[in-house]
C-alpha cells in the first residue's frame, strides 16, 4: 500500500507524459531497458518499496542513494514508480521553492533530456512542478528531494569542471 502522498503524486502524473505522443518511439524505449551487466533501475521515493514488495518482475536493492527498483523493462503503466513518471525531469528544492529541471542522470539515455524541458509538453512540466510541491510538504519526501537536489548539483558541478578542462 502506498502512502497517500505518493498515491496523490503518482495520480497527477498518471495521464500526462513528456510528449503528447509516445516518447519511447524516439529512442526505442531506452529508459525502460536495463543495461546488461549494469545495476540500472529507478530510485524509489520513500514509502514506494511497499508497493513493489512481492510483485513479480521487480526486485529492489539498497544503494547509497536509496532503494533502487530493477525491472525487466516492461511493466503496466499504472505500476510505474514515481521516478519513471517524472523522467526526464526532476523536482528540486531551492531556497525560493520547488523548481523543475532536466535530470542530469536522464541525459545518458533520453534524447528529450538533451533537448531540455522547453522541448517537453508544458502540461507535463507543470504536473512535475505540482508533484514536487506536494512532496515537499512531507518531511520524508522533502528530505529525499533535498538529497536528489544535492546529487543534481554535484553532477552539474562535475560537468562544468570538465567543460573548463579542469580534471582532478
N, C-alpha and C. Protein backbone atom coordinates (compact mmCIF):
# COMPACT_ATOMS: atom_id res chain seq x y z
N UNK A 1 0.85 -1.18 0.00
CA UNK A 1 0.00 0.00 0.00
C UNK A 1 0.89 1.24 0.00
N UNK A 2 0.59 2.15 -0.87
CA UNK A 2 1.37 3.39 -0.97
C UNK A 2 0.90 4.41 0.06
N UNK A 3 1.82 5.18 0.61
CA UNK A 3 1.40 6.32 1.44
C UNK A 3 0.54 7.27 0.59
N UNK A 4 -0.41 7.93 1.21
CA UNK A 4 -1.34 8.81 0.49
C UNK A 4 -0.62 9.85 -0.36
N UNK A 5 0.44 10.43 0.16
CA UNK A 5 1.14 11.49 -0.58
C UNK A 5 1.73 10.95 -1.88
N UNK A 6 2.22 9.72 -1.87
CA UNK A 6 2.76 9.12 -3.09
C UNK A 6 1.64 8.75 -4.06
N UNK A 7 0.53 8.28 -3.54
CA UNK A 7 -0.61 7.97 -4.39
C UNK A 7 -1.10 9.23 -5.09
N UNK A 8 -1.15 10.35 -4.37
CA UNK A 8 -1.55 11.63 -4.97
C UNK A 8 -0.57 12.05 -6.05
N UNK A 9 0.72 11.95 -5.75
CA UNK A 9 1.75 12.35 -6.71
C UNK A 9 1.69 11.49 -7.97
N UNK A 10 1.56 10.20 -7.79
CA UNK A 10 1.50 9.30 -8.94
C UNK A 10 0.25 9.56 -9.78
N UNK A 11 -0.86 9.86 -9.12
CA UNK A 11 -2.11 10.12 -9.85
C UNK A 11 -1.99 11.36 -10.74
N UNK A 12 -1.30 12.38 -10.26
CA UNK A 12 -1.12 13.61 -11.05
C UNK A 12 -0.38 13.30 -12.35
N UNK A 13 0.55 12.35 -12.30
CA UNK A 13 1.36 12.01 -13.47
C UNK A 13 0.83 10.80 -14.23
N UNK A 14 -0.34 10.31 -13.87
CA UNK A 14 -0.88 9.09 -14.48
C UNK A 14 -1.12 9.25 -15.98
N UNK A 15 -1.71 10.36 -16.39
CA UNK A 15 -2.12 10.52 -17.78
C UNK A 15 -1.38 11.62 -18.53
N UNK A 16 -0.30 12.11 -17.96
CA UNK A 16 0.48 13.15 -18.63
C UNK A 16 1.89 12.61 -18.84
N UNK A 17 2.44 12.85 -20.02
CA UNK A 17 3.76 12.33 -20.37
C UNK A 17 4.59 13.44 -21.00
N UNK A 18 5.89 13.22 -21.15
CA UNK A 18 6.77 14.28 -21.68
C UNK A 18 6.33 14.84 -23.03
N UNK A 19 5.77 14.00 -23.89
CA UNK A 19 5.26 14.43 -25.19
C UNK A 19 3.81 14.00 -25.31
N UNK A 20 3.10 14.61 -26.24
CA UNK A 20 1.71 14.21 -26.47
C UNK A 20 1.64 12.83 -27.14
N UNK A 21 2.76 12.39 -27.69
CA UNK A 21 2.83 11.07 -28.31
C UNK A 21 3.76 10.18 -27.47
N UNK A 22 3.93 8.95 -27.88
CA UNK A 22 4.78 8.01 -27.16
C UNK A 22 6.24 8.39 -27.37
N UNK A 23 6.86 8.96 -26.34
CA UNK A 23 8.25 9.40 -26.47
C UNK A 23 9.20 8.22 -26.64
N UNK A 24 8.79 7.03 -26.24
CA UNK A 24 9.63 5.85 -26.41
C UNK A 24 9.91 5.51 -27.86
N UNK A 25 9.10 6.04 -28.77
CA UNK A 25 9.34 5.80 -30.19
C UNK A 25 10.60 6.52 -30.68
N UNK A 26 10.99 7.60 -30.00
CA UNK A 26 12.18 8.36 -30.39
C UNK A 26 13.47 7.58 -30.14
N UNK A 27 13.49 6.80 -29.09
CA UNK A 27 14.74 6.16 -28.66
C UNK A 27 14.58 4.65 -28.49
N UNK A 28 13.46 4.13 -28.94
CA UNK A 28 13.17 2.71 -28.77
C UNK A 28 13.10 2.32 -27.29
N UNK A 29 12.58 3.21 -26.48
CA UNK A 29 12.35 2.93 -25.06
C UNK A 29 13.61 2.70 -24.25
N UNK A 30 14.66 3.46 -24.52
CA UNK A 30 15.93 3.27 -23.80
C UNK A 30 15.77 3.36 -22.29
N UNK A 31 14.91 4.26 -21.82
CA UNK A 31 14.77 4.43 -20.37
C UNK A 31 14.12 3.21 -19.71
N UNK A 32 13.50 2.37 -20.50
CA UNK A 32 12.84 1.18 -19.95
C UNK A 32 13.67 -0.08 -20.12
N UNK A 33 14.82 0.04 -20.73
CA UNK A 33 15.64 -1.15 -20.96
C UNK A 33 16.79 -1.23 -19.97
N UNK A 34 16.88 -2.33 -19.23
CA UNK A 34 18.03 -2.48 -18.34
C UNK A 34 19.30 -2.68 -19.17
N UNK A 35 20.39 -2.12 -18.70
CA UNK A 35 21.67 -2.29 -19.39
C UNK A 35 22.34 -3.55 -18.88
N UNK A 36 22.66 -4.44 -19.80
CA UNK A 36 23.26 -5.72 -19.42
C UNK A 36 24.56 -5.49 -18.66
N UNK A 37 24.68 -6.19 -17.55
CA UNK A 37 25.89 -6.09 -16.74
C UNK A 37 25.93 -4.86 -15.85
N UNK A 38 24.93 -4.02 -15.94
CA UNK A 38 24.89 -2.78 -15.15
C UNK A 38 23.78 -2.89 -14.11
N UNK A 39 23.96 -2.18 -13.01
CA UNK A 39 22.93 -2.11 -11.98
C UNK A 39 22.09 -0.87 -12.29
N UNK A 40 21.17 -1.02 -13.25
CA UNK A 40 20.34 0.11 -13.64
C UNK A 40 18.93 -0.11 -13.13
N UNK A 41 18.29 0.96 -12.82
CA UNK A 41 16.93 0.93 -12.32
C UNK A 41 16.53 2.33 -11.93
N UNK A 42 15.46 2.44 -11.21
CA UNK A 42 14.96 3.74 -10.80
C UNK A 42 14.92 3.81 -9.28
N UNK A 43 15.33 4.97 -8.76
CA UNK A 43 15.27 5.17 -7.31
C UNK A 43 13.82 5.29 -6.89
N UNK A 44 13.48 4.60 -5.84
CA UNK A 44 12.14 4.70 -5.28
C UNK A 44 12.08 5.83 -4.28
N UNK A 45 10.96 6.52 -4.28
CA UNK A 45 10.73 7.54 -3.27
C UNK A 45 10.39 6.84 -1.95
N UNK A 46 10.67 7.47 -0.82
CA UNK A 46 10.39 6.84 0.48
C UNK A 46 8.94 6.35 0.57
N UNK A 47 8.78 5.09 0.90
CA UNK A 47 7.45 4.50 1.03
C UNK A 47 7.00 3.72 -0.19
N UNK A 48 7.65 3.91 -1.33
CA UNK A 48 7.26 3.19 -2.54
C UNK A 48 7.63 1.71 -2.47
N UNK A 49 8.60 1.37 -1.65
CA UNK A 49 9.05 -0.02 -1.56
C UNK A 49 7.89 -0.96 -1.27
N UNK A 50 6.98 -0.53 -0.41
CA UNK A 50 5.87 -1.40 -0.01
C UNK A 50 4.99 -1.77 -1.20
N UNK A 51 4.91 -0.92 -2.20
CA UNK A 51 4.09 -1.19 -3.38
C UNK A 51 4.67 -2.34 -4.21
N UNK A 52 5.99 -2.45 -4.22
CA UNK A 52 6.65 -3.42 -5.10
C UNK A 52 7.05 -4.72 -4.40
N UNK A 53 6.97 -4.76 -3.08
CA UNK A 53 7.33 -5.97 -2.34
C UNK A 53 6.44 -7.13 -2.78
N UNK A 54 7.06 -8.21 -3.19
CA UNK A 54 6.32 -9.40 -3.58
C UNK A 54 5.73 -9.35 -4.97
N UNK A 55 5.90 -8.27 -5.70
CA UNK A 55 5.36 -8.19 -7.06
C UNK A 55 6.31 -8.87 -8.03
N UNK A 56 5.75 -9.68 -8.90
CA UNK A 56 6.55 -10.38 -9.89
C UNK A 56 7.13 -9.40 -10.91
N UNK A 57 8.38 -9.65 -11.30
CA UNK A 57 9.01 -8.82 -12.32
C UNK A 57 9.82 -7.66 -11.77
N UNK A 58 9.85 -7.53 -10.46
CA UNK A 58 10.59 -6.44 -9.83
C UNK A 58 11.51 -6.99 -8.76
N UNK A 59 12.65 -6.33 -8.62
CA UNK A 59 13.48 -6.60 -7.45
C UNK A 59 14.05 -5.28 -6.98
N UNK A 60 14.35 -5.22 -5.72
CA UNK A 60 14.86 -3.99 -5.11
C UNK A 60 16.22 -4.26 -4.51
N UNK A 61 17.04 -3.24 -4.54
CA UNK A 61 18.35 -3.34 -3.92
C UNK A 61 18.68 -2.00 -3.26
N UNK A 62 19.31 -2.08 -2.11
CA UNK A 62 19.70 -0.87 -1.38
C UNK A 62 20.97 -0.30 -2.00
N UNK A 63 21.00 1.01 -2.17
CA UNK A 63 22.19 1.71 -2.66
C UNK A 63 22.47 2.87 -1.71
N UNK A 64 23.59 3.53 -1.91
CA UNK A 64 23.91 4.68 -1.07
C UNK A 64 22.94 5.83 -1.28
N UNK A 65 22.21 5.82 -2.40
CA UNK A 65 21.27 6.91 -2.70
C UNK A 65 19.83 6.57 -2.33
N UNK A 66 19.57 5.31 -1.99
CA UNK A 66 18.21 4.89 -1.66
C UNK A 66 17.95 3.52 -2.26
N UNK A 67 16.69 3.14 -2.30
CA UNK A 67 16.31 1.84 -2.84
C UNK A 67 16.14 1.93 -4.34
N UNK A 68 16.83 1.06 -5.04
CA UNK A 68 16.77 1.01 -6.50
C UNK A 68 15.80 -0.10 -6.90
N UNK A 69 14.84 0.24 -7.75
CA UNK A 69 13.90 -0.74 -8.29
C UNK A 69 14.42 -1.19 -9.65
N UNK A 70 14.58 -2.48 -9.79
CA UNK A 70 15.08 -3.05 -11.04
C UNK A 70 13.95 -3.89 -11.62
N UNK A 71 13.66 -3.65 -12.89
CA UNK A 71 12.57 -4.39 -13.53
C UNK A 71 13.07 -5.00 -14.83
N UNK A 72 12.20 -5.71 -15.50
CA UNK A 72 12.54 -6.38 -16.75
C UNK A 72 12.54 -5.42 -17.93
N UNK A 73 12.01 -4.23 -17.74
CA UNK A 73 11.91 -3.27 -18.83
C UNK A 73 10.51 -3.18 -19.41
N UNK A 74 9.63 -4.01 -18.92
CA UNK A 74 8.23 -3.97 -19.36
C UNK A 74 7.35 -3.98 -18.12
N UNK A 75 6.44 -3.02 -18.06
CA UNK A 75 5.52 -3.01 -16.92
C UNK A 75 4.20 -2.39 -17.35
N UNK A 76 3.22 -2.60 -16.56
CA UNK A 76 1.94 -1.94 -16.74
C UNK A 76 2.17 -0.47 -16.39
N UNK A 77 1.75 0.44 -17.24
CA UNK A 77 1.98 1.88 -16.99
C UNK A 77 1.48 2.30 -15.62
N UNK A 78 0.41 1.69 -15.15
CA UNK A 78 -0.13 2.05 -13.84
C UNK A 78 0.81 1.65 -12.70
N UNK A 79 1.74 0.75 -12.97
CA UNK A 79 2.68 0.29 -11.94
C UNK A 79 4.00 1.06 -11.95
N UNK A 80 4.18 1.98 -12.87
CA UNK A 80 5.46 2.71 -12.96
C UNK A 80 5.75 3.44 -11.66
N UNK A 81 6.99 3.35 -11.18
CA UNK A 81 7.35 4.12 -9.98
C UNK A 81 7.36 5.62 -10.30
N UNK A 82 7.34 6.41 -9.26
CA UNK A 82 7.30 7.86 -9.43
C UNK A 82 8.49 8.36 -10.24
N UNK A 83 9.67 7.81 -10.04
CA UNK A 83 10.84 8.25 -10.82
C UNK A 83 10.63 8.07 -12.31
N UNK A 84 9.98 6.98 -12.72
CA UNK A 84 9.69 6.76 -14.14
C UNK A 84 8.69 7.79 -14.65
N UNK A 85 7.72 8.12 -13.83
CA UNK A 85 6.70 9.08 -14.23
C UNK A 85 7.27 10.49 -14.37
N UNK A 86 8.31 10.79 -13.60
CA UNK A 86 8.95 12.11 -13.65
C UNK A 86 9.95 12.24 -14.80
N UNK A 87 10.48 11.14 -15.25
CA UNK A 87 11.55 11.11 -16.25
C UNK A 87 11.17 11.88 -17.50
N UNK A 88 11.97 12.78 -18.02
CA UNK A 88 13.37 13.08 -17.73
C UNK A 88 13.56 14.31 -16.83
N UNK A 89 12.54 14.65 -16.08
CA UNK A 89 12.63 15.82 -15.20
C UNK A 89 12.84 15.41 -13.75
N UNK A 90 13.15 16.41 -12.94
CA UNK A 90 13.35 16.19 -11.51
C UNK A 90 12.91 17.44 -10.77
N UNK A 91 12.08 17.29 -9.72
CA UNK A 91 11.77 18.46 -8.89
C UNK A 91 12.93 18.69 -7.91
N UNK A 92 13.36 19.93 -7.83
CA UNK A 92 14.48 20.30 -6.96
C UNK A 92 14.01 21.25 -5.88
N UNK A 93 14.62 21.14 -4.71
CA UNK A 93 14.30 22.04 -3.61
C UNK A 93 15.34 23.16 -3.61
N UNK A 94 14.87 24.37 -3.83
CA UNK A 94 15.73 25.55 -3.82
C UNK A 94 15.25 26.51 -2.73
N UNK A 95 16.08 27.49 -2.42
CA UNK A 95 15.72 28.45 -1.36
C UNK A 95 14.39 29.13 -1.64
N UNK A 96 14.09 29.38 -2.91
CA UNK A 96 12.86 30.08 -3.27
C UNK A 96 11.73 29.13 -3.67
N UNK A 97 11.86 27.86 -3.33
CA UNK A 97 10.77 26.92 -3.57
C UNK A 97 11.17 25.74 -4.44
N UNK A 98 10.16 25.04 -4.92
CA UNK A 98 10.37 23.87 -5.76
C UNK A 98 10.56 24.32 -7.21
N UNK A 99 11.61 23.83 -7.81
CA UNK A 99 11.91 24.12 -9.22
C UNK A 99 11.94 22.80 -9.98
N UNK A 100 11.74 22.88 -11.28
CA UNK A 100 11.80 21.69 -12.13
C UNK A 100 12.98 21.86 -13.08
N UNK A 101 13.77 20.81 -13.19
CA UNK A 101 14.93 20.83 -14.09
C UNK A 101 15.02 19.51 -14.83
N UNK A 102 15.80 19.51 -15.88
CA UNK A 102 16.12 18.27 -16.56
C UNK A 102 17.06 17.47 -15.66
N UNK A 103 16.75 16.23 -15.44
CA UNK A 103 17.55 15.36 -14.59
C UNK A 103 18.84 14.99 -15.33
N UNK A 104 19.99 15.37 -14.76
CA UNK A 104 21.27 15.06 -15.40
C UNK A 104 21.43 13.56 -15.64
N UNK A 105 20.90 12.74 -14.75
CA UNK A 105 21.04 11.29 -14.91
C UNK A 105 20.32 10.80 -16.15
N UNK A 106 19.28 11.51 -16.59
CA UNK A 106 18.50 11.10 -17.74
C UNK A 106 19.21 11.38 -19.06
N UNK A 107 20.15 12.30 -19.05
CA UNK A 107 20.78 12.72 -20.30
C UNK A 107 21.54 11.60 -21.01
N UNK A 108 21.92 10.56 -20.29
CA UNK A 108 22.65 9.47 -20.93
C UNK A 108 21.75 8.56 -21.75
N UNK A 109 20.45 8.56 -21.47
CA UNK A 109 19.55 7.66 -22.18
C UNK A 109 18.40 8.36 -22.91
N UNK A 110 18.09 9.58 -22.55
CA UNK A 110 16.88 10.21 -23.07
C UNK A 110 17.19 11.37 -24.01
N UNK A 111 16.82 11.24 -25.29
CA UNK A 111 17.06 12.35 -26.21
C UNK A 111 16.30 13.61 -25.81
N UNK A 112 15.17 13.45 -25.15
CA UNK A 112 14.42 14.63 -24.70
C UNK A 112 15.17 15.38 -23.61
N UNK A 113 15.87 14.65 -22.76
CA UNK A 113 16.64 15.29 -21.69
C UNK A 113 17.74 16.16 -22.28
N UNK A 114 18.28 15.74 -23.40
CA UNK A 114 19.34 16.53 -24.04
C UNK A 114 18.78 17.78 -24.70
N UNK A 115 17.47 17.79 -24.96
CA UNK A 115 16.82 18.96 -25.56
C UNK A 115 16.41 19.99 -24.51
N UNK A 116 16.24 19.55 -23.28
CA UNK A 116 15.81 20.45 -22.21
C UNK A 116 14.31 20.45 -22.05
N UNK A 117 13.87 21.04 -20.95
CA UNK A 117 12.44 20.96 -20.63
C UNK A 117 11.56 21.78 -21.57
N UNK A 118 12.13 22.74 -22.30
CA UNK A 118 11.33 23.50 -23.26
C UNK A 118 10.82 22.63 -24.41
N UNK A 119 11.46 21.49 -24.64
CA UNK A 119 11.03 20.57 -25.69
C UNK A 119 9.88 19.68 -25.24
N UNK A 120 9.54 19.75 -23.97
CA UNK A 120 8.52 18.86 -23.40
C UNK A 120 7.15 19.52 -23.37
N UNK A 121 6.13 18.70 -23.26
CA UNK A 121 4.76 19.18 -23.13
C UNK A 121 4.66 20.05 -21.88
N UNK A 122 4.22 21.30 -22.01
CA UNK A 122 4.10 22.18 -20.84
C UNK A 122 3.20 21.62 -19.74
N UNK A 123 2.19 20.83 -20.11
CA UNK A 123 1.33 20.21 -19.10
C UNK A 123 2.12 19.21 -18.25
N UNK A 124 3.06 18.50 -18.88
CA UNK A 124 3.91 17.57 -18.15
C UNK A 124 4.82 18.32 -17.19
N UNK A 125 5.44 19.38 -17.66
CA UNK A 125 6.34 20.18 -16.81
C UNK A 125 5.56 20.73 -15.61
N UNK A 126 4.36 21.23 -15.86
CA UNK A 126 3.52 21.77 -14.77
C UNK A 126 3.14 20.67 -13.78
N UNK A 127 2.85 19.48 -14.29
CA UNK A 127 2.49 18.36 -13.40
C UNK A 127 3.67 17.96 -12.53
N UNK A 128 4.88 17.94 -13.10
CA UNK A 128 6.07 17.61 -12.31
C UNK A 128 6.28 18.66 -11.23
N UNK A 129 6.06 19.92 -11.57
CA UNK A 129 6.19 21.00 -10.58
C UNK A 129 5.18 20.81 -9.44
N UNK A 130 3.95 20.49 -9.78
CA UNK A 130 2.91 20.27 -8.77
C UNK A 130 3.26 19.08 -7.88
N UNK A 131 3.76 18.01 -8.48
CA UNK A 131 4.18 16.84 -7.70
C UNK A 131 5.29 17.24 -6.74
N UNK A 132 6.25 18.02 -7.20
CA UNK A 132 7.33 18.48 -6.33
C UNK A 132 6.81 19.27 -5.15
N UNK A 133 5.84 20.14 -5.40
CA UNK A 133 5.26 20.94 -4.31
C UNK A 133 4.55 20.06 -3.29
N UNK A 134 3.81 19.09 -3.78
CA UNK A 134 3.10 18.17 -2.88
C UNK A 134 4.09 17.37 -2.05
N UNK A 135 5.11 16.82 -2.70
CA UNK A 135 6.10 16.00 -1.98
C UNK A 135 6.87 16.83 -0.96
N UNK A 136 7.12 18.09 -1.28
CA UNK A 136 7.88 18.96 -0.37
C UNK A 136 7.13 19.23 0.93
N UNK A 137 5.82 18.97 0.96
CA UNK A 137 5.02 19.17 2.17
C UNK A 137 5.27 18.07 3.21
N UNK A 138 5.80 16.93 2.76
CA UNK A 138 6.03 15.78 3.63
C UNK A 138 7.51 15.75 4.02
N UNK A 139 7.78 15.56 5.30
CA UNK A 139 9.16 15.62 5.80
C UNK A 139 10.08 14.60 5.13
N UNK A 140 9.64 13.35 5.01
CA UNK A 140 10.49 12.31 4.41
C UNK A 140 10.70 12.55 2.91
N UNK A 141 9.63 12.92 2.23
CA UNK A 141 9.74 13.17 0.79
C UNK A 141 10.61 14.40 0.52
N UNK A 142 10.44 15.43 1.34
CA UNK A 142 11.25 16.64 1.19
C UNK A 142 12.73 16.31 1.39
N UNK A 143 13.04 15.52 2.41
CA UNK A 143 14.44 15.14 2.66
C UNK A 143 15.00 14.37 1.46
N UNK A 144 14.19 13.52 0.85
CA UNK A 144 14.63 12.78 -0.33
C UNK A 144 14.87 13.74 -1.49
N UNK A 145 13.97 14.69 -1.69
CA UNK A 145 14.15 15.68 -2.76
C UNK A 145 15.40 16.53 -2.52
N UNK A 146 15.68 16.85 -1.27
CA UNK A 146 16.89 17.61 -0.95
C UNK A 146 18.13 16.79 -1.34
N UNK A 147 18.10 15.48 -1.06
CA UNK A 147 19.23 14.63 -1.46
C UNK A 147 19.36 14.56 -2.98
N UNK A 148 18.24 14.46 -3.68
CA UNK A 148 18.28 14.45 -5.15
C UNK A 148 18.81 15.77 -5.68
N UNK A 149 18.42 16.86 -5.03
CA UNK A 149 18.90 18.19 -5.44
C UNK A 149 20.41 18.28 -5.27
N UNK A 150 20.90 17.79 -4.14
CA UNK A 150 22.34 17.80 -3.88
C UNK A 150 23.08 16.97 -4.94
N UNK A 151 22.54 15.81 -5.26
CA UNK A 151 23.14 14.95 -6.28
C UNK A 151 23.15 15.66 -7.64
N UNK A 152 22.04 16.29 -7.98
CA UNK A 152 21.94 17.03 -9.25
C UNK A 152 22.98 18.15 -9.29
N UNK A 153 23.13 18.87 -8.18
CA UNK A 153 24.10 19.96 -8.12
C UNK A 153 25.53 19.44 -8.28
N UNK A 154 25.81 18.28 -7.68
CA UNK A 154 27.15 17.69 -7.80
C UNK A 154 27.43 17.27 -9.24
N UNK A 155 26.45 16.70 -9.91
CA UNK A 155 26.63 16.31 -11.31
C UNK A 155 26.83 17.54 -12.19
N UNK A 156 26.09 18.59 -11.91
CA UNK A 156 26.23 19.83 -12.68
C UNK A 156 27.62 20.43 -12.48
N UNK A 157 28.10 20.44 -11.24
CA UNK A 157 29.44 20.97 -10.95
C UNK A 157 30.51 20.15 -11.66
N UNK A 158 30.35 18.84 -11.68
CA UNK A 158 31.30 17.97 -12.36
C UNK A 158 31.30 18.25 -13.86
N UNK A 159 30.11 18.38 -14.43
CA UNK A 159 30.02 18.70 -15.86
C UNK A 159 30.72 20.02 -16.15
N UNK A 160 30.47 21.02 -15.33
CA UNK A 160 31.10 22.33 -15.54
C UNK A 160 32.61 22.25 -15.41
N UNK A 161 33.07 21.43 -14.49
CA UNK A 161 34.51 21.25 -14.30
C UNK A 161 35.15 20.67 -15.56
N UNK A 162 34.51 19.68 -16.15
CA UNK A 162 35.04 19.07 -17.36
C UNK A 162 34.95 20.02 -18.55
N UNK A 163 33.93 20.83 -18.60
CA UNK A 163 33.81 21.80 -19.69
C UNK A 163 34.94 22.83 -19.65
N UNK A 164 35.41 23.14 -18.45
CA UNK A 164 36.51 24.10 -18.30
C UNK A 164 37.87 23.41 -18.43
N UNK A 165 37.87 22.10 -18.58
CA UNK A 165 39.12 21.38 -18.73
C UNK A 165 39.87 21.16 -17.43
N UNK A 166 39.17 21.29 -16.31
CA UNK A 166 39.79 21.06 -15.00
C UNK A 166 39.50 19.62 -14.60
N UNK A 167 40.54 18.82 -14.54
CA UNK A 167 40.36 17.42 -14.17
C UNK A 167 41.13 17.14 -12.89
N UNK A 168 40.50 16.43 -11.99
CA UNK A 168 41.16 16.10 -10.72
C UNK A 168 41.55 14.64 -10.71
